[in-house]
Amino acid sequence: MADSVQWIQHVELYVSSSATPSQQVASVDAVATLLKNDLLTLEALVREMEMYLTTTDSIIRSRGILLLGELLAQLTLKPLDSTSIHSLIGFFTERLADWKALRGAIVGCLALLRRKSDVGRVTDSEAKAVAQSYLQNLQVQSLGQHDRKLSFQLMECLLDRYAGAMADLGDNLVYGICEAIDGEKDPQCLLLPKGEDDDVKREELARALMLAFASTPLFEPFSIPLLLEKLSSSLPSAKVESFKYLSYCTAKYGPERMAKHAEALWASLKDMTYLSPQSTLSMEAESMGRMNFQESDVMTEAFVLLQEVIRHCGEFISLIIGDKDINTFLISLNQYKGFEDIPLQVKQKLHAVGHILSSCAKASAAMCNKVFESFFPLLMDGLGLSVAQPSQNNSYPEEECFYLAKFKFGPLYLCIELIAACKNLTVSLYNCTSIHDFPHQRWCSMLSSFSESLVKAFVSMLRSNVADNEQSAYVLLWRGQKSNAADVDAF
């Protein structure tokens, strides 16, 4: 056995306040060599170090505990009996509550937890006790950078090597991890170590997080309010991601869970698409009388979410139909005669409402029925058309053409948007629905009852506007939906 005086001198030098870092490293190496070569037993070392491990002098105590931890870190391949391991891990677990000696406690826990089973390993119950002490005593973000890094390594080791024991901690573990990493900014604590696959794209991380959010419907009470709150961010990218997550989670959580969030979802969608529409109309399009708005990425994703919510939550459409702002806006369109009379902000809202109604109408036959029953008569009134208006022949008297050519652009635009939605719905249902079922749909019968009036109105409008200006808003609007006249007649 080694001379006790010799190795005790190394211990005293290590805990001394006058020792340099290099002298401390040399002391650790010297004592570790004695332990590895069985010239000194671990039991004898701990017995002789008792004063340094339990003294009320916090400086000496912290250095003594750190010395023991660093020695164990060099003995990971040396076999130890279960009694020694149990005693040591119990000591370091308790020391996690001693914030003045915390670094040594973490180093000691790490050294013991990293041991393999063939040389003596910490049991699952002991690892669980370490984790519980960690969660109860460590305020990670109040520590220095090096100690925070050690704390993260300790938690990582517990999760990697004792996953089964950690699972028993449930929500406390999740909250503890979130609290530990929240606000961490130091690169050494965040960067992936060398040798790891660090070629991770932002999109890959975003998708992985989205899959995690939607992994179980049990996350719905937490994730949906969080995602709705993120929509208030000033960053467009954050809003885009939130809408994407909401769309994906809507499909995964199901209608029953999403129903409780319907009003909040509509409020957010309405704000992004109607109240504060993020769309632009180029000077060229405006000068030519076109409604070709370029939607922002945020607005595009908002409409994707709208379609998902309508598709999976049938009652959601009642919020749109009953929205006072939407209904008031439709009535207000009657004050504008032509395209040029409509202010840009109103055109933006007109585009948004057209997109909203179109998304609802083409979602399903049932949705289309509700949209037509609620809004189609109002649009026909705005155009000055009625079921009883068409004549009994195919001629179009000039005075009738002159009258019909004056109908308003707003109702016309929305009418054509709905007809286009009907066309898309018909195509999507063509292979799964009998053609004989369409006349029994409410939207089809309503459209058919106005079809002759609509066709005559469109023809008279084209005659009048082409004669005046081939680039008029009415002509360009018609060209954008030129196939819909045949669709109207076919219904």
Foldseek 3Di string as FASTA:
>chain_A
DDDPVVLVVLLVLQLDPPHDPVSVVVSLVVVLVCPVVVVDDPVVVCVVLVCQCDPPPLSSNLSSLLSNLSSLLSCLPAADDQVVLVVQLVSLLVCCQVVSNNVSSLSNNVSQCPHDPVRYHDDLVSLLSSLVSCLVRDQLVVDDPVSLLSSVVSVVSCCVRNVVSVVVVPPSNVVSVCSSCPPDDDCVNPPDDPPDPPPDDPVNVLVVVLCVCLVDLVNLVPLLVVLLVQCPDPDLVSLLSSLVSLLVNLVRNAQVSCVVCLVSLVVSLCVDQAVDFQWDDDPVCVVLQHLDIDGDSNNVSSLSSLLSCVLGHVCSVVCVLPPPVLVVLLVVQLVAFESVRDDPSNSSNLVSSLSNLLSQLLSALVSVLVSCVRPVVSLCVQQVADLPPDDPDDDQDPVNLVVLLRGGDSSVLSVLSSLVSVVNNCVVCVVPDDPVCQCVRNNSVVLQSCLRVVLSSLVSNCVVVVVVPCSGNSNVSCVVRVVSNVVSVVD
